[in-house]
Amino acid sequence: MANDQGERPADAAGSHPRAAVIFNPSKQGVTALREAVARAERRQEFAPTMWIETTEDDPGKGMAREAVDAGVDLVLAAGGDGTVRAVAAGLRDTGVPVGIVPLGTGNLFARNLGIPVNDLADAVVLAFSGIDHAVDVIVADITRPDGSDESHVSLVLAGIGIDAAMISNTNPDLKKRVGWLAYVDAGLRAIPASKPYRATHRLDSGRNHRSKVASILVANLGYLPGNIELIPGAELDDGKLDVVVLQPRNIFGWILIWRTVTWENRVLRKSTLGRQLIDLTGGNKKQHIVYLRGRSVEIGIEGAPEEFEIDGDEFGQVIGATFTVSPASLVVRVAR
């Protein structure tokens, strides 16, 4: 781990705020990032910035804690959703704001917050001069096939089933060339080969529901790349998590799911007439895709372990998981 403290004026600690940049050195644009940060810190009268590289073993959580221990006033997370998630895990409940500089493929968390994803300089300016906004974090307590337990955080969306299999099958070279569109290729290959599994889910300590599913998704936000609204009404700061249960019976069921997401959610639900049409056609009682909202959900898998993913990164296999919302536990810099 590289830690570039930089030269600091003798009175900087007492009179000027200080930022830390946690960055993934494998991403392109680090030189431009340093230049943009230098301009912003001068403009906002910050002390020289603390620079910390992520490592293969730690994508950012330990670095965030190091920055907090150093007394910084702002942390910039420069990387993709994985880096941002790891930094958020270290900053959760500290009150230290995080500014996001998207350098990844999907950048879903940044997109949903209205942070520039194609202009590094603008993202840096926003990180230094934006306002603080508290958002929710989802805590995932998972059980591995060997019975061991782990705890992780999610800012975007976690899933058990076909979505995780799709991510694990994504071609890394194609992902570098075309970005998030590589997931479409993986999805088209994963759906025909996918096999549903039996699972139980229980929302907010209510009754258990047992069903045959292709995937169970637990989300903190609603929009996917391409402006696809997977979950209507999902908010990052509502103190709740959203659960999506995908249970298509055949390929026609997948077509109905695609229609729900791209037509009903994106178009019809935007108007009163459209919502009435959904009600009249039984749209809110569909079984191929079920929406739930609450503060926690427990998921148990019957049979073989299933693939698991968090925020677009594969996380191996699980036999069960409990997801809990941690309300307003992360402070993020957003536009004024």
Protein backbone atom coordinates (compact mmCIF):
# COMPACT_ATOMS: atom_id res chain seq x y z
CA MET A 1 0.00 0.00 0.00
CA ALA A 2 1.45 3.37 -1.02
CA ASN A 3 0.82 6.31 1.27
CA ASP A 4 1.87 9.69 -0.16
CA GLN A 5 1.38 12.15 2.67
CA GLY A 6 2.71 15.17 0.80
CA GLU A 7 4.29 18.29 2.30
CA ARG A 8 1.99 20.13 4.65
CA PRO A 9 2.29 23.74 5.88
CA ALA A 10 2.93 24.08 9.60
CA ASP A 11 -0.44 25.73 10.23
CA ALA A 12 -2.43 23.55 7.83
CA ALA A 13 -3.69 21.13 10.46
CA GLY A 14 -5.34 23.88 12.45
CA SER A 15 -6.61 26.18 9.69
CA HIS A 16 -7.30 24.14 6.56
CA PRO A 17 -9.37 21.05 5.94
CA ARG A 18 -7.64 18.07 4.38
CA ALA A 19 -8.76 15.38 1.95
CA ALA A 20 -7.57 11.85 1.25
CA VAL A 21 -7.79 10.14 -2.13
CA ILE A 22 -8.16 6.37 -2.12
CA PHE A 23 -7.56 5.14 -5.63
CA ASN A 24 -7.24 1.95 -7.60
CA PRO A 25 -3.82 2.15 -9.28
CA SER A 26 -4.91 -0.26 -12.02
CA LYS A 27 -7.43 2.24 -13.38
CA GLN A 28 -6.58 4.70 -16.13
CA GLY A 29 -6.61 8.42 -15.42
CA VAL A 30 -4.57 8.60 -12.20
CA THR A 31 -2.32 11.38 -13.59
CA ALA A 32 -5.35 13.44 -14.58
CA LEU A 33 -6.84 12.68 -11.16
CA ARG A 34 -3.80 14.10 -9.35
CA GLU A 35 -3.92 17.25 -11.45
CA ALA A 36 -7.65 17.76 -10.88
CA VAL A 37 -7.29 17.22 -7.11
CA ALA A 38 -4.40 19.70 -6.94
CA ARG A 39 -6.52 22.36 -8.64
CA ALA A 40 -9.53 21.69 -6.43
CA GLU A 41 -7.59 21.71 -3.17
CA ARG A 42 -6.04 25.08 -4.06
CA ARG A 43 -9.41 26.54 -5.05
CA GLN A 44 -11.13 25.28 -1.90
CA GLU A 45 -8.12 26.12 0.33
CA PHE A 46 -7.49 22.54 1.45
CA ALA A 47 -4.20 21.35 2.86
CA PRO A 48 -2.17 19.01 0.59
CA THR A 49 -4.05 15.80 -0.05
CA MET A 50 -3.22 12.39 1.41
CA TRP A 51 -2.92 9.71 -1.34
CA ILE A 52 -3.52 6.03 -0.58
CA GLU A 53 -3.48 3.17 -3.09
CA THR A 54 -5.79 0.19 -2.83
CA THR A 55 -4.28 -3.29 -2.98
CA GLU A 56 -5.35 -6.66 -4.32
CA ASP A 57 -6.02 -7.86 -0.77
CA ASP A 58 -7.83 -4.69 0.36
CA PRO A 59 -9.82 -2.71 -2.23
CA GLY A 60 -10.35 0.23 0.11
CA LYS A 61 -11.85 -0.55 3.52
CA GLY A 62 -8.60 -0.46 5.46
CA MET A 63 -7.45 2.62 3.55
CA ALA A 64 -10.64 4.45 4.52
CA ARG A 65 -10.06 3.66 8.17
CA GLU A 66 -6.47 4.85 7.84
CA ALA A 67 -7.70 8.13 6.39
CA VAL A 68 -10.23 8.58 9.20
CA ASP A 69 -7.55 7.86 11.81
CA ALA A 70 -5.39 10.53 10.15
CA GLY A 71 -8.16 13.06 10.82
CA VAL A 72 -9.07 13.97 7.25
CA ASP A 73 -12.23 15.96 6.55
CA LEU A 74 -13.08 14.36 3.20
CA VAL A 75 -12.31 11.08 1.44
CA LEU A 76 -12.37 10.72 -2.33
CA ALA A 77 -13.01 7.19 -3.63
CA ALA A 78 -11.55 6.95 -7.14
CA GLY A 79 -12.45 3.73 -8.94
CA GLY A 80 -15.44 1.58 -9.84
CA ASP A 81 -18.36 0.41 -7.73
CA GLY A 82 -16.10 -2.12 -5.99
CA THR A 83 -13.69 0.54 -4.78
CA VAL A 84 -16.51 2.83 -3.71
CA ARG A 85 -18.20 0.00 -1.81
CA ALA A 86 -14.99 -0.92 0.02
CA VAL A 87 -14.29 2.70 0.97
CA ALA A 88 -17.88 3.07 2.16
CA ALA A 89 -17.44 0.03 4.41
CA GLY A 90 -14.60 1.85 6.16
CA LEU A 91 -16.44 5.19 6.37
CA ARG A 92 -19.84 3.90 7.49
CA ASP A 93 -21.04 5.59 10.70
CA THR A 94 -17.95 7.84 10.90
CA GLY A 95 -19.62 10.98 9.54
CA VAL A 96 -16.65 11.62 7.24
CA PRO A 97 -18.05 12.41 3.77
CA VAL A 98 -17.02 10.50 0.66
CA GLY A 99 -16.68 12.13 -2.74
CA ILE A 100 -16.93 9.74 -5.66
CA VAL A 101 -14.70 9.93 -8.73
CA PRO A 102 -15.99 7.22 -11.11
CA LEU A 103 -13.25 5.30 -12.90
CA GLY A 104 -15.05 1.98 -13.34
CA THR A 105 -17.39 0.26 -15.79
CA GLY A 106 -20.89 0.51 -14.37
CA ASN A 107 -20.52 3.30 -11.79
CA LEU A 108 -24.11 2.65 -10.77
CA PHE A 109 -23.90 4.29 -7.36
CA ALA A 110 -22.51 7.47 -8.90
CA ARG A 111 -25.12 7.46 -11.68
CA ASN A 112 -27.98 7.19 -9.22
CA LEU A 113 -26.58 10.12 -7.24
CA GLY A 114 -26.20 12.33 -10.32
CA ILE A 115 -22.40 12.37 -10.10
CA PRO A 116 -20.60 12.92 -13.46
CA VAL A 117 -19.36 9.57 -14.74
CA ASN A 118 -17.63 10.76 -17.90
CA ASP A 119 -15.87 13.87 -16.60
CA LEU A 120 -13.20 13.21 -14.01
CA ALA A 121 -12.49 16.91 -13.40
CA ASP A 122 -16.16 17.71 -12.74
CA ALA A 123 -16.44 14.78 -10.35
CA VAL A 124 -13.44 16.03 -8.38
CA VAL A 125 -14.85 19.56 -8.21
CA LEU A 126 -18.15 18.14 -6.92
CA ALA A 127 -16.32 16.06 -4.31
CA PHE A 128 -14.60 19.15 -2.90
CA SER A 129 -17.45 21.67 -3.22
CA GLY A 130 -20.69 19.67 -3.09
CA ILE A 131 -23.04 19.31 -0.14
CA ASP A 132 -23.21 16.41 2.29
CA HIS A 133 -26.11 13.97 1.93
CA ALA A 134 -26.65 10.90 4.12
CA VAL A 135 -27.65 7.70 2.31
CA ASP A 136 -28.45 4.15 3.37
CA VAL A 137 -26.10 1.19 3.28
CA ILE A 138 -27.17 -2.46 3.06
CA VAL A 139 -25.36 -4.91 5.33
CA ALA A 140 -25.20 -8.49 4.01
CA ASP A 141 -24.50 -11.23 6.55
CA ILE A 142 -23.88 -14.34 4.47
CA THR A 143 -23.30 -18.02 5.24
CA ARG A 144 -20.84 -19.99 3.14
CA PRO A 145 -21.26 -23.68 2.18
CA ASP A 146 -18.75 -24.64 4.91
CA GLY A 147 -20.91 -22.94 7.55
CA SER A 148 -18.67 -19.91 8.04
CA ASP A 149 -20.21 -16.44 8.27
CA GLU A 150 -19.10 -13.18 6.69
CA SER A 151 -20.40 -9.61 6.68
CA HIS A 152 -20.20 -7.23 3.74
CA VAL A 153 -21.84 -3.98 2.67
CA SER A 154 -23.70 -3.13 -0.51
CA LEU A 155 -24.44 0.29 -1.96
CA VAL A 156 -26.11 -0.77 -5.19
CA LEU A 157 -27.52 -4.27 -5.44
CA ALA A 158 -26.70 -7.77 -4.21
CA GLY A 159 -28.07 -10.94 -5.71
CA ILE A 160 -28.23 -14.70 -5.35
CA GLY A 161 -28.78 -16.70 -8.51
CA ILE A 162 -28.64 -15.97 -12.22
CA ASP A 163 -27.40 -12.39 -11.86
CA ALA A 164 -24.37 -13.62 -9.93
CA ALA A 165 -23.77 -16.38 -12.47
CA MET A 166 -23.98 -13.78 -15.23
CA ILE A 167 -21.35 -11.61 -13.54
CA SER A 168 -19.01 -14.54 -12.98
CA ASN A 169 -19.35 -15.40 -16.70
CA THR A 170 -18.69 -11.88 -17.98
CA ASN A 171 -15.77 -11.74 -20.41
CA PRO A 172 -13.16 -9.41 -18.79
CA ASP A 173 -11.66 -8.39 -22.16
CA LEU A 174 -15.09 -7.55 -23.54
CA LYS A 175 -15.87 -5.60 -20.36
CA LYS A 176 -12.76 -3.46 -20.90
CA ARG A 177 -13.78 -2.74 -24.50
CA VAL A 178 -17.52 -2.09 -24.22
CA GLY A 179 -18.07 -1.50 -20.51
CA TRP A 180 -21.39 -2.51 -18.92
CA LEU A 181 -22.70 -3.84 -22.26
CA ALA A 182 -20.53 -6.91 -21.61
CA TYR A 183 -23.09 -7.89 -18.95
CA VAL A 184 -25.73 -8.11 -21.70
CA ASP A 185 -23.60 -10.67 -23.52
CA ALA A 186 -23.14 -12.65 -20.31
CA GLY A 187 -26.86 -12.46 -19.56
CA LEU A 188 -27.85 -13.80 -22.97
CA ARG A 189 -25.54 -16.75 -22.36
CA ALA A 190 -26.63 -17.29 -18.75
CA ILE A 191 -30.42 -17.33 -19.15
CA PRO A 192 -30.69 -20.45 -21.38
CA ALA A 193 -28.28 -22.36 -19.13
CA SER A 194 -29.79 -21.22 -15.84
CA LYS A 195 -31.66 -23.56 -13.52
CA PRO A 196 -34.11 -22.25 -10.91
CA TYR A 197 -33.53 -23.07 -7.27
CA ARG A 198 -35.81 -23.34 -4.27
CA ALA A 199 -35.44 -20.68 -1.61
CA THR A 200 -37.24 -19.17 1.34
CA HIS A 201 -37.43 -15.48 2.07
CA ARG A 202 -38.80 -13.63 5.07
CA LEU A 203 -39.28 -9.87 5.14
CA ASP A 204 -39.02 -7.97 8.43
CA SER A 205 -39.42 -11.09 10.57
CA GLY A 206 -42.75 -11.87 8.91
CA ARG A 207 -43.78 -15.27 7.65
CA ASN A 208 -41.59 -17.44 5.45
CA HIS A 209 -42.33 -17.64 1.73
CA ARG A 210 -41.04 -20.62 -0.21
CA SER A 211 -40.68 -20.40 -3.98
CA LYS A 212 -38.76 -21.57 -7.01
CA VAL A 213 -36.66 -18.65 -8.22
CA ALA A 214 -34.08 -17.69 -10.80
CA SER A 215 -32.68 -14.98 -8.58
CA ILE A 216 -33.37 -12.88 -5.49
CA LEU A 217 -32.05 -9.33 -5.62
CA VAL A 218 -31.68 -6.96 -2.68
CA ALA A 219 -31.25 -3.36 -3.78
CA ASN A 220 -30.46 0.06 -2.41
CA LEU A 221 -31.44 1.90 -5.60
CA GLY A 222 -33.58 1.47 -8.68
CA TYR A 223 -31.77 2.37 -11.90
CA LEU A 224 -29.41 0.21 -13.96
CA PRO A 225 -27.20 1.30 -16.90
CA GLY A 226 -29.15 2.37 -19.94
CA ASN A 227 -31.61 4.20 -17.68
CA ILE A 228 -33.42 0.92 -16.99
CA GLU A 229 -35.63 1.25 -13.92
CA LEU A 230 -35.38 -2.18 -12.31
CA ILE A 231 -37.20 -1.12 -9.13
CA PRO A 232 -39.82 1.65 -9.30
CA GLY A 233 -39.71 4.04 -6.38
CA ALA A 234 -36.45 2.77 -4.85
CA GLU A 235 -34.58 5.50 -2.97
CA LEU A 236 -31.08 5.65 -1.50
CA ASP A 237 -32.23 7.52 1.58
CA ASP A 238 -35.62 6.03 2.49
CA GLY A 239 -34.35 3.79 5.31
CA LYS A 240 -35.54 0.68 3.47
CA LEU A 241 -34.19 -1.99 1.16
CA ASP A 242 -35.95 -3.29 -1.94
CA VAL A 243 -36.25 -6.99 -2.74
CA VAL A 244 -36.90 -8.34 -6.23
CA VAL A 245 -37.84 -12.01 -6.61
CA LEU A 246 -37.43 -13.27 -10.18
CA GLN A 247 -39.39 -16.45 -10.78
CA PRO A 248 -39.98 -16.99 -14.51
CA ARG A 249 -41.32 -20.43 -15.40
CA ASN A 250 -39.84 -20.42 -18.92
CA ILE A 251 -38.35 -18.17 -21.57
CA PHE A 252 -41.74 -16.43 -21.94
CA GLY A 253 -41.45 -15.51 -18.25
CA TRP A 254 -38.16 -13.77 -18.98
CA ILE A 255 -39.83 -11.84 -21.78
CA LEU A 256 -42.53 -10.71 -19.33
CA ILE A 257 -39.85 -9.62 -16.84
CA TRP A 258 -38.11 -7.62 -19.56
CA ARG A 259 -41.44 -6.04 -20.51
CA THR A 260 -42.14 -5.11 -16.88
CA VAL A 261 -38.76 -3.48 -16.39
CA THR A 262 -38.44 -1.66 -19.72
CA TRP A 263 -42.08 -0.74 -20.44
CA GLU A 264 -44.18 -0.75 -17.29
CA ASN A 265 -41.55 0.60 -14.88
CA ARG A 266 -39.97 3.06 -17.27
CA VAL A 267 -43.07 4.30 -19.13
CA LEU A 268 -46.45 3.32 -17.70
CA ARG A 269 -45.71 3.99 -14.03
CA LYS A 270 -44.75 7.57 -14.88
CA SER A 271 -48.37 8.63 -15.43
CA THR A 272 -51.69 8.21 -13.64
CA LEU A 273 -53.26 6.68 -16.74
CA GLY A 274 -50.38 4.25 -17.09
CA ARG A 275 -50.66 3.13 -13.46
CA GLN A 276 -54.39 2.60 -13.90
CA LEU A 277 -53.67 0.47 -16.97
CA ILE A 278 -51.24 -1.65 -14.93
CA ASP A 279 -53.90 -2.15 -12.26
CA LEU A 280 -56.55 -3.09 -14.82
CA THR A 281 -54.29 -5.68 -16.44
CA GLY A 282 -53.24 -7.20 -13.11
CA GLY A 283 -49.74 -5.79 -13.36
CA ASN A 284 -49.34 -5.41 -9.60
CA LYS A 285 -50.18 -9.09 -9.03
CA LYS A 286 -47.65 -10.60 -11.42
CA GLN A 287 -45.85 -13.73 -10.25
CA HIS A 288 -42.86 -13.70 -12.62
CA ILE A 289 -41.41 -10.68 -10.80
CA VAL A 290 -42.32 -9.80 -7.21
CA TYR A 291 -41.37 -6.54 -5.49
CA LEU A 292 -41.01 -6.22 -1.71
CA ARG A 293 -39.81 -3.40 0.54
CA GLY A 294 -38.72 -3.46 4.18
CA ARG A 295 -35.87 -3.09 6.62
CA SER A 296 -34.50 -6.61 6.46
CA VAL A 297 -34.86 -9.87 4.56
CA GLU A 298 -33.68 -13.37 5.40
CA ILE A 299 -32.96 -15.75 2.52
CA GLY A 300 -32.40 -19.47 2.81
CA ILE A 301 -31.33 -21.73 -0.06
CA GLU A 302 -32.60 -25.28 -0.33
CA GLY A 303 -30.27 -27.72 -2.03
CA ALA A 304 -26.92 -26.81 -3.60
CA PRO A 305 -25.20 -23.48 -2.85
CA GLU A 306 -25.84 -20.59 -5.23
CA GLU A 307 -23.60 -17.92 -6.72
CA PHE A 308 -23.60 -14.56 -4.93
CA GLU A 309 -22.69 -11.06 -6.10
CA ILE A 310 -22.47 -7.59 -4.60
CA ASP A 311 -22.52 -4.40 -6.66
CA GLY A 312 -21.39 -6.16 -9.81
CA ASP A 313 -18.56 -8.18 -8.23
CA GLU A 314 -18.69 -11.95 -7.80
CA PHE A 315 -18.50 -13.11 -4.17
CA GLY A 316 -18.47 -16.89 -4.44
CA GLN A 317 -21.23 -19.21 -3.25
CA VAL A 318 -23.63 -18.98 -0.31
CA ILE A 319 -26.30 -21.13 1.32
CA GLY A 320 -28.08 -18.26 3.06
CA ALA A 321 -27.99 -14.54 3.76
CA THR A 322 -29.61 -11.86 5.87
CA PHE A 323 -29.75 -8.32 4.49
CA THR A 324 -30.37 -5.34 6.78
CA VAL A 325 -30.60 -1.67 5.96
CA SER A 326 -28.30 0.70 7.85
CA PRO A 327 -30.18 4.01 7.50
CA ALA A 328 -28.34 7.26 6.71
CA SER A 329 -25.02 5.71 7.71
CA LEU A 330 -22.89 7.01 4.83
CA VAL A 331 -22.35 10.68 4.02
CA VAL A 332 -21.84 11.37 0.32
CA ARG A 333 -20.94 14.58 -1.52
CA VAL A 334 -23.60 15.46 -4.09
CA ALA A 335 -24.48 18.48 -6.22
CA ARG A 336 -25.92 21.53 -4.55
